[in-house]
Amino acid sequence: MEGWRDFFVAEVGAAAAFAGLLFVSLSVNQARILNLSALPERGLQALSSIFLVFALGSIALVPDQGPKLFGAEAFAVVVLQVVILTWLQIASFRITDRPYRRRSITTSVVGQAASWAFLIGSALLMVRTDWLGLAWYAPGVILAFFFAGATSWVLLIEINR
């Protein structure tokens, strides 16, 4: 785990920065977002993905825990995220206007892929005696930040086109 400490410190900081960007996006265009179907749910989906990276990084930085304990803690958080994200995505898809559904599905797949990368990594940590499962966290973080960044872009810029 020692080699991963800097990674998790960086990801916790990056997640905080992304959360700030998302909150600025939401506050600057709040009235417009609330008037368009599915955009509040998309904002919450992005926020939940950012929170997942923040939570996993925070759990990873707790000292003196082995891979099995960390994997179990992370697995519980990720399962909760998958349930919440799936519920939000289904709700969002149901109210998204037909022309925008393809985009909604595309972003949903990216958000789910991030969560599932964390889920696979956490499961590997629980069943192995090494830290190999952490290799799944890097793509999970990249996908989660891509998902949150794309959603922030939509809520900040694209909404005004």
C-alpha atoms as a PDB file:
ATOM      1  CA  MET A   1       0.000   0.000   0.000  1.00  0.00           C
ATOM      2  CA  GLU A   2       2.940   2.335   0.613  1.00  0.00           C
ATOM      3  CA  GLY A   3       3.460   2.915  -3.093  1.00  0.00           C
ATOM      4  CA  TRP A   4      -0.175   3.956  -3.434  1.00  0.00           C
ATOM      5  CA  ARG A   5      -0.253   6.562  -0.663  1.00  0.00           C
ATOM      6  CA  ASP A   6       0.704   9.460  -2.949  1.00  0.00           C
ATOM      7  CA  PHE A   7      -1.884   8.304  -5.487  1.00  0.00           C
ATOM      8  CA  PHE A   8      -4.668   8.418  -2.908  1.00  0.00           C
ATOM      9  CA  VAL A   9      -3.535  11.755  -1.472  1.00  0.00           C
ATOM     10  CA  ALA A  10      -3.608  13.220  -4.976  1.00  0.00           C
ATOM     11  CA  GLU A  11      -7.013  11.716  -5.736  1.00  0.00           C
ATOM     12  CA  VAL A  12      -8.588  13.056  -2.539  1.00  0.00           C
ATOM     13  CA  GLY A  13      -7.337  16.538  -3.453  1.00  0.00           C
ATOM     14  CA  ALA A  14      -8.490  16.206  -7.055  1.00  0.00           C
ATOM     15  CA  ALA A  15     -11.910  14.994  -5.920  1.00  0.00           C
ATOM     16  CA  ALA A  16     -12.260  18.078  -3.722  1.00  0.00           C
ATOM     17  CA  ALA A  17     -11.352  20.306  -6.684  1.00  0.00           C
ATOM     18  CA  PHE A  18     -13.850  18.509  -8.931  1.00  0.00           C
ATOM     19  CA  ALA A  19     -16.550  18.886  -6.278  1.00  0.00           C
ATOM     20  CA  GLY A  20     -15.855  22.628  -6.240  1.00  0.00           C
ATOM     21  CA  LEU A  21     -16.142  22.819 -10.027  1.00  0.00           C
ATOM     22  CA  LEU A  22     -19.408  20.920  -9.935  1.00  0.00           C
ATOM     23  CA  PHE A  23     -20.858  23.153  -7.221  1.00  0.00           C
ATOM     24  CA  VAL A  24     -19.877  26.249  -9.231  1.00  0.00           C
ATOM     25  CA  SER A  25     -21.567  24.725 -12.297  1.00  0.00           C
ATOM     26  CA  LEU A  26     -24.710  24.013 -10.307  1.00  0.00           C
ATOM     27  CA  SER A  27     -24.857  27.406  -8.628  1.00  0.00           C
ATOM     28  CA  VAL A  28     -24.112  29.512 -11.724  1.00  0.00           C
ATOM     29  CA  ASN A  29     -26.829  27.828 -13.783  1.00  0.00           C
ATOM     30  CA  GLN A  30     -29.182  26.714 -11.030  1.00  0.00           C
ATOM     31  CA  ALA A  31     -32.383  28.148 -12.513  1.00  0.00           C
ATOM     32  CA  ARG A  32     -31.653  26.752 -15.974  1.00  0.00           C
ATOM     33  CA  ILE A  33     -30.697  23.326 -14.590  1.00  0.00           C
ATOM     34  CA  LEU A  34     -33.897  23.079 -12.557  1.00  0.00           C
ATOM     35  CA  ASN A  35     -35.976  23.957 -15.629  1.00  0.00           C
ATOM     36  CA  LEU A  36     -34.510  21.183 -17.790  1.00  0.00           C
ATOM     37  CA  SER A  37     -35.500  17.586 -17.184  1.00  0.00           C
ATOM     38  CA  ALA A  38     -32.882  15.165 -15.921  1.00  0.00           C
ATOM     39  CA  LEU A  39     -30.125  17.751 -15.352  1.00  0.00           C
ATOM     40  CA  PRO A  40     -30.489  17.867 -11.559  1.00  0.00           C
ATOM     41  CA  GLU A  41     -30.143  14.064 -11.549  1.00  0.00           C
ATOM     42  CA  ARG A  42     -27.066  14.272 -13.783  1.00  0.00           C
ATOM     43  CA  GLY A  43     -25.495  16.712 -11.353  1.00  0.00           C
ATOM     44  CA  LEU A  44     -26.171  14.332  -8.477  1.00  0.00           C
ATOM     45  CA  GLN A  45     -24.713  11.425 -10.453  1.00  0.00           C
ATOM     46  CA  ALA A  46     -21.489  13.371 -11.000  1.00  0.00           C
ATOM     47  CA  LEU A  47     -21.373  14.393  -7.353  1.00  0.00           C
ATOM     48  CA  SER A  48     -21.833  10.787  -6.220  1.00  0.00           C
ATOM     49  CA  SER A  49     -18.929   9.675  -8.449  1.00  0.00           C
ATOM     50  CA  ILE A  50     -16.693  12.410  -7.048  1.00  0.00           C
ATOM     51  CA  PHE A  51     -17.725  11.452  -3.526  1.00  0.00           C
ATOM     52  CA  LEU A  52     -16.860   7.824  -4.297  1.00  0.00           C
ATOM     53  CA  VAL A  53     -13.288   8.761  -5.254  1.00  0.00           C
ATOM     54  CA  PHE A  54     -13.044  10.982  -2.163  1.00  0.00           C
ATOM     55  CA  ALA A  55     -14.411   8.248   0.130  1.00  0.00           C
ATOM     56  CA  LEU A  56     -12.173   5.509  -1.269  1.00  0.00           C
ATOM     57  CA  GLY A  57      -9.110   7.743  -1.048  1.00  0.00           C
ATOM     58  CA  SER A  58      -9.957   8.679   2.519  1.00  0.00           C
ATOM     59  CA  ILE A  59     -10.474   5.046   3.535  1.00  0.00           C
ATOM     60  CA  ALA A  60      -7.187   4.100   1.863  1.00  0.00           C
ATOM     61  CA  LEU A  61      -5.315   6.692   3.899  1.00  0.00           C
ATOM     62  CA  VAL A  62      -6.374   5.159   7.214  1.00  0.00           C
ATOM     63  CA  PRO A  63      -3.121   3.743   8.651  1.00  0.00           C
ATOM     64  CA  ASP A  64      -2.361   0.148   9.550  1.00  0.00           C
ATOM     65  CA  GLN A  65      -5.077  -1.733   7.695  1.00  0.00           C
ATOM     66  CA  GLY A  66      -4.491  -4.725   5.485  1.00  0.00           C
ATOM     67  CA  PRO A  67      -5.850  -5.324   2.007  1.00  0.00           C
ATOM     68  CA  LYS A  68      -8.769  -7.464   3.191  1.00  0.00           C
ATOM     69  CA  LEU A  69     -10.089  -4.857   5.621  1.00  0.00           C
ATOM     70  CA  PHE A  70      -9.605  -2.015   3.158  1.00  0.00           C
ATOM     71  CA  GLY A  71     -11.227  -4.115   0.413  1.00  0.00           C
ATOM     72  CA  ALA A  72     -14.268  -4.849   2.585  1.00  0.00           C
ATOM     73  CA  GLU A  73     -14.699  -1.202   3.565  1.00  0.00           C
ATOM     74  CA  ALA A  74     -14.286  -0.060  -0.017  1.00  0.00           C
ATOM     75  CA  PHE A  75     -16.594  -2.777  -1.340  1.00  0.00           C
ATOM     76  CA  ALA A  76     -19.401  -1.606   0.957  1.00  0.00           C
ATOM     77  CA  VAL A  77     -19.005   2.008  -0.179  1.00  0.00           C
ATOM     78  CA  VAL A  78     -18.863   1.021  -3.860  1.00  0.00           C
ATOM     79  CA  VAL A  79     -21.957  -1.204  -3.640  1.00  0.00           C
ATOM     80  CA  LEU A  80     -23.844   1.733  -2.155  1.00  0.00           C
ATOM     81  CA  GLN A  81     -22.564   3.930  -5.010  1.00  0.00           C
ATOM     82  CA  VAL A  82     -23.627   1.419  -7.677  1.00  0.00           C
ATOM     83  CA  VAL A  83     -27.139   1.269  -6.197  1.00  0.00           C
ATOM     84  CA  ILE A  84     -27.470   5.054  -5.942  1.00  0.00           C
ATOM     85  CA  LEU A  85     -25.964   5.695  -9.369  1.00  0.00           C
ATOM     86  CA  THR A  86     -28.169   3.074 -11.036  1.00  0.00           C
ATOM     87  CA  TRP A  87     -31.282   4.494  -9.391  1.00  0.00           C
ATOM     88  CA  LEU A  88     -30.365   8.044 -10.481  1.00  0.00           C
ATOM     89  CA  GLN A  89     -29.550   6.920 -14.020  1.00  0.00           C
ATOM     90  CA  ILE A  90     -32.836   5.063 -14.433  1.00  0.00           C
ATOM     91  CA  ALA A  91     -34.753   8.081 -13.104  1.00  0.00           C
ATOM     92  CA  SER A  92     -32.796  10.383 -15.406  1.00  0.00           C
ATOM     93  CA  PHE A  93     -33.311   8.174 -18.453  1.00  0.00           C
ATOM     94  CA  ARG A  94     -37.068   8.057 -17.872  1.00  0.00           C
ATOM     95  CA  ILE A  95     -37.403  11.842 -17.953  1.00  0.00           C
ATOM     96  CA  THR A  96     -34.779  12.590 -20.615  1.00  0.00           C
ATOM     97  CA  ASP A  97     -36.208  13.781 -23.904  1.00  0.00           C
ATOM     98  CA  ARG A  98     -35.842  11.224 -26.685  1.00  0.00           C
ATOM     99  CA  PRO A  99     -33.174  13.122 -28.738  1.00  0.00           C
ATOM    100  CA  TYR A 100     -30.870  13.270 -25.706  1.00  0.00           C
ATOM    101  CA  ARG A 101     -31.204   9.668 -24.554  1.00  0.00           C
ATOM    102  CA  ARG A 102     -28.157   8.427 -26.489  1.00  0.00           C
ATOM    103  CA  ARG A 103     -25.966  10.958 -24.685  1.00  0.00           C
ATOM    104  CA  SER A 104     -27.579   9.988 -21.411  1.00  0.00           C
ATOM    105  CA  ILE A 105     -26.803   6.316 -22.028  1.00  0.00           C
ATOM    106  CA  THR A 106     -23.201   7.093 -23.023  1.00  0.00           C
ATOM    107  CA  THR A 107     -22.487   9.089 -19.874  1.00  0.00           C
ATOM    108  CA  SER A 108     -24.288   6.472 -17.767  1.00  0.00           C
ATOM    109  CA  VAL A 109     -22.010   3.746 -19.130  1.00  0.00           C
ATOM    110  CA  VAL A 110     -18.900   5.760 -18.236  1.00  0.00           C
ATOM    111  CA  GLY A 111     -20.181   6.383 -14.703  1.00  0.00           C
ATOM    112  CA  GLN A 112     -21.037   2.717 -14.228  1.00  0.00           C
ATOM    113  CA  ALA A 113     -17.676   1.594 -15.652  1.00  0.00           C
ATOM    114  CA  ALA A 114     -15.890   3.701 -13.045  1.00  0.00           C
ATOM    115  CA  SER A 115     -17.942   2.200 -10.237  1.00  0.00           C
ATOM    116  CA  TRP A 116     -17.465  -1.343 -11.507  1.00  0.00           C
ATOM    117  CA  ALA A 117     -13.698  -0.875 -11.782  1.00  0.00           C
ATOM    118  CA  PHE A 118     -13.690   0.054  -8.083  1.00  0.00           C
ATOM    119  CA  LEU A 119     -15.994  -2.868  -7.296  1.00  0.00           C
ATOM    120  CA  ILE A 120     -13.708  -5.378  -9.045  1.00  0.00           C
ATOM    121  CA  GLY A 121     -10.626  -3.909  -7.362  1.00  0.00           C
ATOM    122  CA  SER A 122     -12.269  -4.010  -3.946  1.00  0.00           C
ATOM    123  CA  ALA A 123     -13.391  -7.611  -4.436  1.00  0.00           C
ATOM    124  CA  LEU A 124      -9.842  -8.615  -5.418  1.00  0.00           C
ATOM    125  CA  LEU A 125      -8.487  -6.945  -2.292  1.00  0.00           C
ATOM    126  CA  MET A 126     -10.870  -8.974  -0.132  1.00  0.00           C
ATOM    127  CA  VAL A 127      -9.898 -12.340  -1.623  1.00  0.00           C
ATOM    128  CA  ARG A 128      -6.154 -11.885  -2.112  1.00  0.00           C
ATOM    129  CA  THR A 129      -3.373 -11.277   0.392  1.00  0.00           C
ATOM    130  CA  ASP A 130      -1.701  -8.537  -1.656  1.00  0.00           C
ATOM    131  CA  TRP A 131      -2.662  -5.114  -2.991  1.00  0.00           C
ATOM    132  CA  LEU A 132      -3.180  -6.208  -6.614  1.00  0.00           C
ATOM    133  CA  GLY A 133      -6.796  -5.005  -6.612  1.00  0.00           C
ATOM    134  CA  LEU A 134      -5.566  -1.415  -6.400  1.00  0.00           C
ATOM    135  CA  ALA A 135      -4.550  -1.680 -10.067  1.00  0.00           C
ATOM    136  CA  TRP A 136      -8.273  -1.370 -10.854  1.00  0.00           C
ATOM    137  CA  TYR A 137      -8.519   1.914  -8.930  1.00  0.00           C
ATOM    138  CA  ALA A 138      -6.483   3.983 -11.404  1.00  0.00           C
ATOM    139  CA  PRO A 139      -8.866   3.398 -14.347  1.00  0.00           C
ATOM    140  CA  GLY A 140     -11.792   3.810 -11.956  1.00  0.00           C
ATOM    141  CA  VAL A 141     -10.547   7.238 -10.903  1.00  0.00           C
ATOM    142  CA  ILE A 142      -9.895   8.296 -14.498  1.00  0.00           C
ATOM    143  CA  LEU A 143     -13.372   7.222 -15.591  1.00  0.00           C
ATOM    144  CA  ALA A 144     -15.030   8.821 -12.542  1.00  0.00           C
ATOM    145  CA  PHE A 145     -13.258  12.125 -13.186  1.00  0.00           C
ATOM    146  CA  PHE A 146     -14.058  11.960 -16.896  1.00  0.00           C
ATOM    147  CA  PHE A 147     -17.710  11.351 -16.029  1.00  0.00           C
ATOM    148  CA  ALA A 148     -17.800  14.195 -13.491  1.00  0.00           C
ATOM    149  CA  GLY A 149     -15.835  16.523 -15.754  1.00  0.00           C
ATOM    150  CA  ALA A 150     -18.103  15.896 -18.745  1.00  0.00           C
ATOM    151  CA  THR A 151     -21.181  16.446 -16.599  1.00  0.00           C
ATOM    152  CA  SER A 152     -19.717  19.642 -15.131  1.00  0.00           C
ATOM    153  CA  TRP A 153     -19.009  20.868 -18.662  1.00  0.00           C
ATOM    154  CA  VAL A 154     -22.615  20.224 -19.666  1.00  0.00           C
ATOM    155  CA  LEU A 155     -23.955  21.998 -16.578  1.00  0.00           C
ATOM    156  CA  LEU A 156     -21.611  24.973 -16.940  1.00  0.00           C
ATOM    157  CA  ILE A 157     -21.197  25.492 -20.702  1.00  0.00           C
ATOM    158  CA  GLU A 158     -23.430  23.305 -22.862  1.00  0.00           C
ATOM    159  CA  ILE A 159     -26.562  24.269 -20.955  1.00  0.00           C
ATOM    160  CA  ASN A 160     -26.197  27.816 -22.276  1.00  0.00           C
ATOM    161  CA  ARG A 161     -25.950  26.917 -25.974  1.00  0.00           C
END
